[in-house]
PDB file of N, CA and C in Angstrom:
ATOM      1  N   UNK A   1      -1.480  -9.024  62.803  1.00  0.00           N
ATOM      2  CA  UNK A   1      -1.602  -8.258  61.535  1.00  0.00           C
ATOM      3  C   UNK A   1      -2.873  -7.477  61.644  1.00  0.00           C
ATOM      4  N   UNK A   2      -2.660  -5.938  61.416  1.00  0.00           N
ATOM      5  CA  UNK A   2      -3.911  -5.083  61.502  1.00  0.00           C
ATOM      6  C   UNK A   2      -5.052  -5.359  60.436  1.00  0.00           C
ATOM      7  N   UNK A   3      -6.176  -4.790  60.466  1.00  0.00           N
ATOM      8  CA  UNK A   3      -7.020  -4.919  59.391  1.00  0.00           C
ATOM      9  C   UNK A   3      -6.834  -4.209  58.239  1.00  0.00           C
ATOM     10  N   UNK A   4      -7.191  -4.726  56.975  1.00  0.00           N
ATOM     11  CA  UNK A   4      -6.795  -4.003  55.755  1.00  0.00           C
ATOM     12  C   UNK A   4      -8.015  -2.731  55.638  1.00  0.00           C
ATOM     13  N   UNK A   5      -7.385  -1.741  55.171  1.00  0.00           N
ATOM     14  CA  UNK A   5      -8.494  -0.609  54.934  1.00  0.00           C
ATOM     15  C   UNK A   5      -8.771  -0.578  53.394  1.00  0.00           C
ATOM     16  N   UNK A   6     -10.209  -0.113  53.417  1.00  0.00           N
ATOM     17  CA  UNK A   6     -10.569  -0.049  51.996  1.00  0.00           C
ATOM     18  C   UNK A   6     -10.165   1.469  51.547  1.00  0.00           C
ATOM     19  N   UNK A   7      -9.975   1.569  50.239  1.00  0.00           N
ATOM     20  CA  UNK A   7      -9.503   2.805  49.553  1.00  0.00           C
ATOM     21  C   UNK A   7     -10.676   3.610  49.507  1.00  0.00           C
ATOM     22  N   UNK A   8     -10.683   4.713  50.216  1.00  0.00           N
ATOM     23  CA  UNK A   8     -12.053   5.411  50.408  1.00  0.00           C
ATOM     24  C   UNK A   8     -12.442   6.277  49.074  1.00  0.00           C
ATOM     25  N   UNK A   9     -11.400   6.612  48.408  1.00  0.00           N
ATOM     26  CA  UNK A   9     -11.639   7.387  47.111  1.00  0.00           C
ATOM     27  C   UNK A   9     -12.264   6.520  46.078  1.00  0.00           C
ATOM     28  N   UNK A  10     -11.812   5.369  46.038  1.00  0.00           N
ATOM     29  CA  UNK A  10     -12.569   4.203  44.987  1.00  0.00           C
ATOM     30  C   UNK A  10     -13.704   3.855  45.702  1.00  0.00           C
ATOM     31  N   UNK A  11     -14.031   3.872  46.968  1.00  0.00           N
ATOM     32  CA  UNK A  11     -15.261   3.530  47.467  1.00  0.00           C
ATOM     33  C   UNK A  11     -16.476   4.668  47.093  1.00  0.00           C
ATOM     34  N   UNK A  12     -15.996   5.884  46.925  1.00  0.00           N
ATOM     35  CA  UNK A  12     -16.768   6.880  46.549  1.00  0.00           C
ATOM     36  C   UNK A  12     -17.085   6.848  44.920  1.00  0.00           C
ATOM     37  N   UNK A  13     -16.079   6.327  44.204  1.00  0.00           N
ATOM     38  CA  UNK A  13     -16.365   6.428  42.763  1.00  0.00           C
ATOM     39  C   UNK A  13     -16.851   5.162  42.137  1.00  0.00           C
ATOM     40  N   UNK A  14     -16.665   3.958  42.684  1.00  0.00           N
ATOM     41  CA  UNK A  14     -17.112   2.776  42.054  1.00  0.00           C
ATOM     42  C   UNK A  14     -17.955   1.890  42.920  1.00  0.00           C
ATOM     43  N   UNK A  15     -18.774   1.227  42.309  1.00  0.00           N
ATOM     44  CA  UNK A  15     -19.845   0.167  42.893  1.00  0.00           C
ATOM     45  C   UNK A  15     -19.608  -0.967  42.333  1.00  0.00           C
ATOM     46  N   UNK A  16     -19.643  -1.974  43.240  1.00  0.00           N
ATOM     47  CA  UNK A  16     -19.498  -3.521  42.822  1.00  0.00           C
ATOM     48  C   UNK A  16     -20.633  -4.376  42.885  1.00  0.00           C
ATOM     49  N   UNK A  17     -21.137  -4.864  41.785  1.00  0.00           N
ATOM     50  CA  UNK A  17     -22.655  -5.551  41.791  1.00  0.00           C
ATOM     51  C   UNK A  17     -22.319  -7.002  42.548  1.00  0.00           C
ATOM     52  N   UNK A  18     -23.476  -7.702  42.669  1.00  0.00           N
ATOM     53  CA  UNK A  18     -23.437  -8.835  43.398  1.00  0.00           C
ATOM     54  C   UNK A  18     -22.706 -10.059  42.589  1.00  0.00           C
ATOM     55  N   UNK A  19     -22.520 -10.017  41.073  1.00  0.00           N
ATOM     56  CA  UNK A  19     -21.909 -10.980  40.366  1.00  0.00           C
ATOM     57  C   UNK A  19     -20.450 -10.439  40.288  1.00  0.00           C
ATOM     58  N   UNK A  20     -20.061  -9.165  40.819  1.00  0.00           N
ATOM     59  CA  UNK A  20     -18.702  -8.868  40.864  1.00  0.00           C
ATOM     60  C   UNK A  20     -18.342  -7.800  39.560  1.00  0.00           C
ATOM     61  N   UNK A  21     -19.210  -7.334  38.916  1.00  0.00           N
ATOM     62  CA  UNK A  21     -19.065  -6.327  37.874  1.00  0.00           C
ATOM     63  C   UNK A  21     -18.836  -4.855  38.781  1.00  0.00           C
ATOM     64  N   UNK A  22     -17.724  -4.167  37.978  1.00  0.00           N
ATOM     65  CA  UNK A  22     -17.711  -2.616  38.737  1.00  0.00           C
ATOM     66  C   UNK A  22     -18.244  -1.755  37.912  1.00  0.00           C
ATOM     67  N   UNK A  23     -19.069  -0.909  38.455  1.00  0.00           N
ATOM     68  CA  UNK A  23     -19.807   0.090  37.624  1.00  0.00           C
ATOM     69  C   UNK A  23     -19.092   1.537  38.243  1.00  0.00           C
ATOM     70  N   UNK A  24     -19.131   2.493  37.282  1.00  0.00           N
ATOM     71  CA  UNK A  24     -18.813   3.965  37.681  1.00  0.00           C
ATOM     72  C   UNK A  24     -19.515   4.704  36.735  1.00  0.00           C
ATOM     73  N   UNK A  25     -19.388   6.195  37.219  1.00  0.00           N
ATOM     74  CA  UNK A  25     -20.173   7.285  36.696  1.00  0.00           C
ATOM     75  C   UNK A  25     -19.115   7.748  35.402  1.00  0.00           C
ATOM     76  N   UNK A  26     -19.738   7.916  34.385  1.00  0.00           N
ATOM     77  CA  UNK A  26     -18.998   8.322  33.337  1.00  0.00           C
ATOM     78  C   UNK A  26     -18.420   9.737  33.368  1.00  0.00           C
ATOM     79  N   UNK A  27     -17.248  10.080  32.902  1.00  0.00           N
ATOM     80  CA  UNK A  27     -16.528  11.468  33.038  1.00  0.00           C
ATOM     81  C   UNK A  27     -17.214  12.283  32.171  1.00  0.00           C
ATOM     82  N   UNK A  28     -17.073  13.724  32.198  1.00  0.00           N
ATOM     83  CA  UNK A  28     -17.611  14.734  31.307  1.00  0.00           C
ATOM     84  C   UNK A  28     -19.184  14.954  31.368  1.00  0.00           C
ATOM     85  N   UNK A  29     -19.891  14.747  32.478  1.00  0.00           N
ATOM     86  CA  UNK A  29     -21.204  14.872  32.507  1.00  0.00           C
ATOM     87  C   UNK A  29     -21.595  15.729  33.618  1.00  0.00           C
ATOM     88  N   UNK A  30     -20.692  16.496  34.194  1.00  0.00           N
ATOM     89  CA  UNK A  30     -20.959  17.341  35.225  1.00  0.00           C
ATOM     90  C   UNK A  30     -21.215  18.751  34.874  1.00  0.00           C
ATOM     91  N   UNK A  31     -20.500  19.521  33.822  1.00  0.00           N
ATOM     92  CA  UNK A  31     -20.663  20.880  33.510  1.00  0.00           C
ATOM     93  C   UNK A  31     -20.512  20.754  32.065  1.00  0.00           C
ATOM     94  N   UNK A  32     -20.486  22.075  31.382  1.00  0.00           N
ATOM     95  CA  UNK A  32     -20.201  22.333  29.970  1.00  0.00           C
ATOM     96  C   UNK A  32     -21.130  21.442  28.994  1.00  0.00           C
ATOM     97  N   UNK A  33     -22.258  21.333  29.303  1.00  0.00           N
ATOM     98  CA  UNK A  33     -23.226  20.297  28.631  1.00  0.00           C
ATOM     99  C   UNK A  33     -23.675  21.013  27.299  1.00  0.00           C
ATOM    100  N   UNK A  34     -23.640  22.511  27.221  1.00  0.00           N
ATOM    101  CA  UNK A  34     -24.515  22.993  26.358  1.00  0.00           C
ATOM    102  C   UNK A  34     -23.904  22.816  24.752  1.00  0.00           C
ATOM    103  N   UNK A  35     -22.857  22.531  24.585  1.00  0.00           N
ATOM    104  CA  UNK A  35     -22.260  22.129  23.317  1.00  0.00           C
ATOM    105  C   UNK A  35     -22.397  20.596  22.998  1.00  0.00           C
ATOM    106  N   UNK A  36     -22.822  19.911  23.932  1.00  0.00           N
ATOM    107  CA  UNK A  36     -22.794  18.127  23.681  1.00  0.00           C
ATOM    108  C   UNK A  36     -24.360  17.974  23.024  1.00  0.00           C
ATOM    109  N   UNK A  37     -24.403  16.967  22.330  1.00  0.00           N
ATOM    110  CA  UNK A  37     -25.370  16.582  21.681  1.00  0.00           C
ATOM    111  C   UNK A  37     -26.440  16.026  22.760  1.00  0.00           C
ATOM    112  N   UNK A  38     -27.702  16.077  22.453  1.00  0.00           N
ATOM    113  CA  UNK A  38     -28.719  15.164  23.344  1.00  0.00           C
ATOM    114  C   UNK A  38     -28.422  13.608  23.607  1.00  0.00           C
ATOM    115  N   UNK A  39     -28.025  13.073  22.571  1.00  0.00           N
ATOM    116  CA  UNK A  39     -27.714  11.717  22.479  1.00  0.00           C
ATOM    117  C   UNK A  39     -26.538  11.472  23.449  1.00  0.00           C
ATOM    118  N   UNK A  40     -25.407  12.181  23.484  1.00  0.00           N
ATOM    119  CA  UNK A  40     -24.330  12.068  24.006  1.00  0.00           C
ATOM    120  C   UNK A  40     -24.583  12.398  25.813  1.00  0.00           C
ATOM    121  N   UNK A  41     -25.429  13.570  25.910  1.00  0.00           N
ATOM    122  CA  UNK A  41     -26.064  13.718  27.332  1.00  0.00           C
ATOM    123  C   UNK A  41     -26.647  12.594  27.822  1.00  0.00           C
ATOM    124  N   UNK A  42     -27.767  12.049  27.256  1.00  0.00           N
ATOM    125  CA  UNK A  42     -28.293  10.743  27.709  1.00  0.00           C
ATOM    126  C   UNK A  42     -27.351   9.720  27.957  1.00  0.00           C
ATOM    127  N   UNK A  43     -26.377   9.497  27.119  1.00  0.00           N
ATOM    128  CA  UNK A  43     -25.371   8.344  27.430  1.00  0.00           C
ATOM    129  C   UNK A  43     -24.480   8.613  28.637  1.00  0.00           C
ATOM    130  N   UNK A  44     -24.256   9.726  28.728  1.00  0.00           N
ATOM    131  CA  UNK A  44     -23.247  10.278  29.940  1.00  0.00           C
ATOM    132  C   UNK A  44     -24.004  10.110  31.077  1.00  0.00           C
ATOM    133  N   UNK A  45     -25.391  10.063  31.075  1.00  0.00           N
ATOM    134  CA  UNK A  45     -26.434   9.979  32.389  1.00  0.00           C
ATOM    135  C   UNK A  45     -25.912   8.450  33.048  1.00  0.00           C
ATOM    136  N   UNK A  46     -25.958   7.635  32.119  1.00  0.00           N
ATOM    137  CA  UNK A  46     -25.990   6.158  32.459  1.00  0.00           C
ATOM    138  C   UNK A  46     -24.713   5.876  33.300  1.00  0.00           C
ATOM    139  N   UNK A  47     -24.635   4.843  34.128  1.00  0.00           N
ATOM    140  CA  UNK A  47     -23.483   4.219  34.619  1.00  0.00           C
ATOM    141  C   UNK A  47     -22.658   3.170  33.473  1.00  0.00           C
ATOM    142  N   UNK A  48     -21.449   3.188  33.716  1.00  0.00           N
ATOM    143  CA  UNK A  48     -20.914   1.959  32.692  1.00  0.00           C
ATOM    144  C   UNK A  48     -20.204   1.204  33.580  1.00  0.00           C
ATOM    145  N   UNK A  49     -19.922  -0.045  32.970  1.00  0.00           N
ATOM    146  CA  UNK A  49     -19.140  -1.064  33.630  1.00  0.00           C
ATOM    147  C   UNK A  49     -17.752  -1.185  32.957  1.00  0.00           C
ATOM    148  N   UNK A  50     -16.688  -1.617  33.813  1.00  0.00           N
ATOM    149  CA  UNK A  50     -15.390  -1.792  33.576  1.00  0.00           C
ATOM    150  C   UNK A  50     -15.119  -3.020  32.475  1.00  0.00           C
ATOM    151  N   UNK A  51     -14.698  -2.731  31.441  1.00  0.00           N
ATOM    152  CA  UNK A  51     -14.575  -3.893  30.417  1.00  0.00           C
ATOM    153  C   UNK A  51     -13.306  -4.656  30.754  1.00  0.00           C
ATOM    154  N   UNK A  52     -12.251  -4.198  31.217  1.00  0.00           N
ATOM    155  CA  UNK A  52     -10.902  -4.757  31.510  1.00  0.00           C
ATOM    156  C   UNK A  52     -11.176  -5.394  32.741  1.00  0.00           C
ATOM    157  N   UNK A  53     -10.998  -6.697  32.731  1.00  0.00           N
ATOM    158  CA  UNK A  53     -11.165  -7.325  33.722  1.00  0.00           C
ATOM    159  C   UNK A  53      -9.878  -7.376  34.962  1.00  0.00           C
ATOM    160  N   UNK A  54      -8.844  -7.135  34.329  1.00  0.00           N
ATOM    161  CA  UNK A  54      -7.780  -6.794  35.352  1.00  0.00           C
ATOM    162  C   UNK A  54      -7.834  -5.461  36.092  1.00  0.00           C
ATOM    163  N   UNK A  55      -8.383  -4.374  35.477  1.00  0.00           N
ATOM    164  CA  UNK A  55      -8.713  -3.276  36.411  1.00  0.00           C
ATOM    165  C   UNK A  55      -9.719  -3.363  37.193  1.00  0.00           C
ATOM    166  N   UNK A  56     -10.873  -4.061  37.090  1.00  0.00           N
ATOM    167  CA  UNK A  56     -11.828  -4.690  37.852  1.00  0.00           C
ATOM    168  C   UNK A  56     -11.474  -5.255  39.248  1.00  0.00           C
ATOM    169  N   UNK A  57     -10.591  -6.355  38.744  1.00  0.00           N
ATOM    170  CA  UNK A  57      -9.969  -7.034  39.991  1.00  0.00           C
ATOM    171  C   UNK A  57      -9.285  -6.205  40.940  1.00  0.00           C
ATOM    172  N   UNK A  58      -8.388  -5.309  40.060  1.00  0.00           N
ATOM    173  CA  UNK A  58      -7.720  -4.292  41.052  1.00  0.00           C
ATOM    174  C   UNK A  58      -8.682  -3.454  42.045  1.00  0.00           C
ATOM    175  N   UNK A  59      -9.501  -3.018  41.487  1.00  0.00           N
ATOM    176  CA  UNK A  59     -10.747  -2.034  42.100  1.00  0.00           C
ATOM    177  C   UNK A  59     -11.328  -2.988  43.279  1.00  0.00           C
ATOM    178  N   UNK A  60     -11.728  -4.179  43.041  1.00  0.00           N
ATOM    179  CA  UNK A  60     -12.320  -5.050  43.940  1.00  0.00           C
ATOM    180  C   UNK A  60     -11.453  -5.411  45.197  1.00  0.00           C
ATOM    181  N   UNK A  61     -10.119  -5.524  44.696  1.00  0.00           N
ATOM    182  CA  UNK A  61      -9.112  -5.844  45.838  1.00  0.00           C
ATOM    183  C   UNK A  61      -8.916  -4.506  46.668  1.00  0.00           C
ATOM    184  N   UNK A  62      -9.071  -3.136  46.204  1.00  0.00           N
ATOM    185  CA  UNK A  62      -8.727  -2.095  46.740  1.00  0.00           C
ATOM    186  C   UNK A  62     -10.060  -1.824  47.753  1.00  0.00           C
ATOM    187  N   UNK A  63     -11.277  -2.310  47.430  1.00  0.00           N
ATOM    188  CA  UNK A  63     -12.497  -2.040  48.217  1.00  0.00           C
ATOM    189  C   UNK A  63     -12.587  -3.307  48.903  1.00  0.00           C
ATOM    190  N   UNK A  64     -11.911  -4.333  48.878  1.00  0.00           N
ATOM    191  CA  UNK A  64     -12.156  -5.414  49.749  1.00  0.00           C
ATOM    192  C   UNK A  64     -13.449  -6.131  49.643  1.00  0.00           C
ATOM    193  N   UNK A  65     -14.033  -6.184  48.346  1.00  0.00           N
ATOM    194  CA  UNK A  65     -15.126  -6.771  48.020  1.00  0.00           C
ATOM    195  C   UNK A  65     -15.138  -7.763  47.079  1.00  0.00           C
ATOM    196  N   UNK A  66     -15.654  -8.979  47.323  1.00  0.00           N
ATOM    197  CA  UNK A  66     -15.725 -10.040  46.095  1.00  0.00           C
ATOM    198  C   UNK A  66     -14.286 -10.100  45.303  1.00  0.00           C
ATOM    199  N   UNK A  67     -13.202 -10.379  46.080  1.00  0.00           N
ATOM    200  CA  UNK A  67     -12.209 -10.157  45.439  1.00  0.00           C
ATOM    201  C   UNK A  67     -11.896 -11.459  44.432  1.00  0.00           C
ATOM    202  N   UNK A  68     -12.290 -12.497  44.897  1.00  0.00           N
ATOM    203  CA  UNK A  68     -11.994 -13.711  44.075  1.00  0.00           C
ATOM    204  C   UNK A  68     -12.997 -13.963  42.976  1.00  0.00           C
ATOM    205  N   UNK A  69     -14.158 -13.028  42.980  1.00  0.00           N
ATOM    206  CA  UNK A  69     -15.215 -13.176  41.917  1.00  0.00           C
ATOM    207  C   UNK A  69     -14.842 -12.804  40.524  1.00  0.00           C
ATOM    208  N   UNK A  70     -15.037 -13.615  39.575  1.00  0.00           N
ATOM    209  CA  UNK A  70     -14.944 -13.155  37.973  1.00  0.00           C
ATOM    210  C   UNK A  70     -16.209 -13.096  37.394  1.00  0.00           C
ATOM    211  N   UNK A  71     -16.625 -11.953  37.013  1.00  0.00           N
ATOM    212  CA  UNK A  71     -18.001 -11.823  36.569  1.00  0.00           C
ATOM    213  C   UNK A  71     -18.499 -12.817  35.260  1.00  0.00           C
ATOM    214  N   UNK A  72     -17.375 -13.028  34.528  1.00  0.00           N
ATOM    215  CA  UNK A  72     -17.586 -14.142  33.435  1.00  0.00           C
ATOM    216  C   UNK A  72     -17.937 -15.410  33.768  1.00  0.00           C
ATOM    217  N   UNK A  73     -17.046 -15.663  34.874  1.00  0.00           N
ATOM    218  CA  UNK A  73     -17.420 -17.225  35.473  1.00  0.00           C
ATOM    219  C   UNK A  73     -18.599 -17.329  36.131  1.00  0.00           C
ATOM    220  N   UNK A  74     -19.200 -16.249  36.803  1.00  0.00           N
ATOM    221  CA  UNK A  74     -20.445 -16.297  37.414  1.00  0.00           C
ATOM    222  C   UNK A  74     -21.569 -16.375  36.421  1.00  0.00           C
ATOM    223  N   UNK A  75     -21.354 -15.387  35.305  1.00  0.00           N
ATOM    224  CA  UNK A  75     -22.322 -15.548  34.046  1.00  0.00           C
ATOM    225  C   UNK A  75     -22.611 -16.836  33.751  1.00  0.00           C
ATOM    226  N   UNK A  76     -21.431 -17.609  33.375  1.00  0.00           N
ATOM    227  CA  UNK A  76     -21.262 -19.013  32.833  1.00  0.00           C
ATOM    228  C   UNK A  76     -21.783 -19.907  33.736  1.00  0.00           C
ATOM    229  N   UNK A  77     -21.697 -19.964  35.152  1.00  0.00           N
ATOM    230  CA  UNK A  77     -22.231 -20.780  36.176  1.00  0.00           C
ATOM    231  C   UNK A  77     -23.800 -20.647  35.948  1.00  0.00           C
ATOM    232  N   UNK A  78     -24.211 -19.183  35.956  1.00  0.00           N
ATOM    233  CA  UNK A  78     -25.702 -18.795  35.859  1.00  0.00           C
ATOM    234  C   UNK A  78     -26.312 -19.572  34.587  1.00  0.00           C
ATOM    235  N   UNK A  79     -25.654 -19.509  33.608  1.00  0.00           N
ATOM    236  CA  UNK A  79     -26.078 -20.088  32.213  1.00  0.00           C
ATOM    237  C   UNK A  79     -26.225 -21.544  32.344  1.00  0.00           C
ATOM    238  N   UNK A  80     -25.466 -22.236  32.897  1.00  0.00           N
ATOM    239  CA  UNK A  80     -25.252 -23.644  33.070  1.00  0.00           C
ATOM    240  C   UNK A  80     -26.324 -24.090  33.965  1.00  0.00           C
ATOM    241  N   UNK A  81     -26.799 -23.340  34.984  1.00  0.00           N
ATOM    242  CA  UNK A  81     -27.711 -23.732  36.112  1.00  0.00           C
ATOM    243  C   UNK A  81     -29.063 -23.362  35.463  1.00  0.00           C
ATOM    244  N   UNK A  82     -29.178 -22.373  34.605  1.00  0.00           N
ATOM    245  CA  UNK A  82     -30.623 -22.330  33.937  1.00  0.00           C
ATOM    246  C   UNK A  82     -30.755 -23.598  32.845  1.00  0.00           C
ATOM    247  N   UNK A  83     -29.626 -23.716  32.171  1.00  0.00           N
ATOM    248  CA  UNK A  83     -29.920 -25.042  31.195  1.00  0.00           C
ATOM    249  C   UNK A  83     -30.286 -26.100  31.875  1.00  0.00           C
ATOM    250  N   UNK A  84     -29.714 -26.516  33.087  1.00  0.00           N
ATOM    251  CA  UNK A  84     -29.662 -27.637  33.796  1.00  0.00           C
ATOM    252  C   UNK A  84     -31.236 -27.632  34.246  1.00  0.00           C
ATOM    253  N   UNK A  85     -31.859 -26.616  34.576  1.00  0.00           N
ATOM    254  CA  UNK A  85     -33.179 -26.405  35.181  1.00  0.00           C
ATOM    255  C   UNK A  85     -34.054 -26.507  34.058  1.00  0.00           C
ATOM    256  N   UNK A  86     -33.885 -26.009  32.916  1.00  0.00           N
ATOM    257  CA  UNK A  86     -34.879 -26.330  31.904  1.00  0.00           C
ATOM    258  C   UNK A  86     -35.034 -27.568  31.370  1.00  0.00           C
ATOM    259  N   UNK A  87     -33.578 -28.329  31.336  1.00  0.00           N
ATOM    260  CA  UNK A  87     -33.634 -29.698  30.832  1.00  0.00           C
ATOM    261  C   UNK A  87     -34.084 -30.496  31.818  1.00  0.00           C
ATOM    262  N   UNK A  88     -34.142 -30.159  33.168  1.00  0.00           N
ATOM    263  CA  UNK A  88     -34.994 -31.004  34.202  1.00  0.00           C
ATOM    264  C   UNK A  88     -36.449 -30.927  33.913  1.00  0.00           C
ATOM    265  N   UNK A  89     -36.979 -29.838  33.781  1.00  0.00           N
ATOM    266  CA  UNK A  89     -38.362 -29.454  33.452  1.00  0.00           C
ATOM    267  C   UNK A  89     -38.884 -30.263  32.249  1.00  0.00           C
ATOM    268  N   UNK A  90     -38.039 -30.268  31.164  1.00  0.00           N
ATOM    269  CA  UNK A  90     -38.403 -30.729  29.926  1.00  0.00           C
ATOM    270  C   UNK A  90     -38.520 -32.526  30.134  1.00  0.00           C
ATOM    271  N   UNK A  91     -37.561 -33.013  30.835  1.00  0.00           N
ATOM    272  CA  UNK A  91     -37.607 -34.260  31.117  1.00  0.00           C
ATOM    273  C   UNK A  91     -38.828 -34.926  31.993  1.00  0.00           C
ATOM    274  N   UNK A  92     -39.275 -33.881  33.101  1.00  0.00           N
ATOM    275  CA  UNK A  92     -40.320 -33.945  33.790  1.00  0.00           C
ATOM    276  C   UNK A  92     -41.625 -34.138  33.020  1.00  0.00           C
ATOM    277  N   UNK A  93     -41.757 -33.304  32.069  1.00  0.00           N
ATOM    278  CA  UNK A  93     -42.919 -33.363  31.243  1.00  0.00           C
ATOM    279  C   UNK A  93     -43.025 -34.289  30.253  1.00  0.00           C
ATOM    280  N   UNK A  94     -42.100 -34.820  29.706  1.00  0.00           N
ATOM    281  CA  UNK A  94     -41.917 -36.116  28.936  1.00  0.00           C
ATOM    282  C   UNK A  94     -42.317 -37.376  29.692  1.00  0.00           C
ATOM    283  N   UNK A  95     -41.952 -37.471  31.026  1.00  0.00           N
ATOM    284  CA  UNK A  95     -42.205 -38.791  31.808  1.00  0.00           C
ATOM    285  C   UNK A  95     -43.765 -38.655  32.126  1.00  0.00           C
ATOM    286  N   UNK A  96     -44.538 -37.495  31.854  1.00  0.00           N
ATOM    287  CA  UNK A  96     -45.783 -37.577  32.382  1.00  0.00           C
ATOM    288  C   UNK A  96     -46.906 -37.983  31.272  1.00  0.00           C
TER     289      UNK A  96
END
């Protein structure tokens, strides 16, 4: 079976973070900016993340990166690890 190829168009337009979030450049920020408010221009400058997890999963599959990652699960595991760490430190302080 041949190797799977990444989708080059998506590779140019989307970036995948270490936790599996998919970010992209907002549309409408390349030209015709004179009639847009300054607030809107500043907002368009920033990258945004996809809120629909199904779309993010589809893009991760097309880019062949972190296909099984779910950002919500990663965030929950991170919070649990931090809670366990702070709980362990609190127990160590009480025993001293």
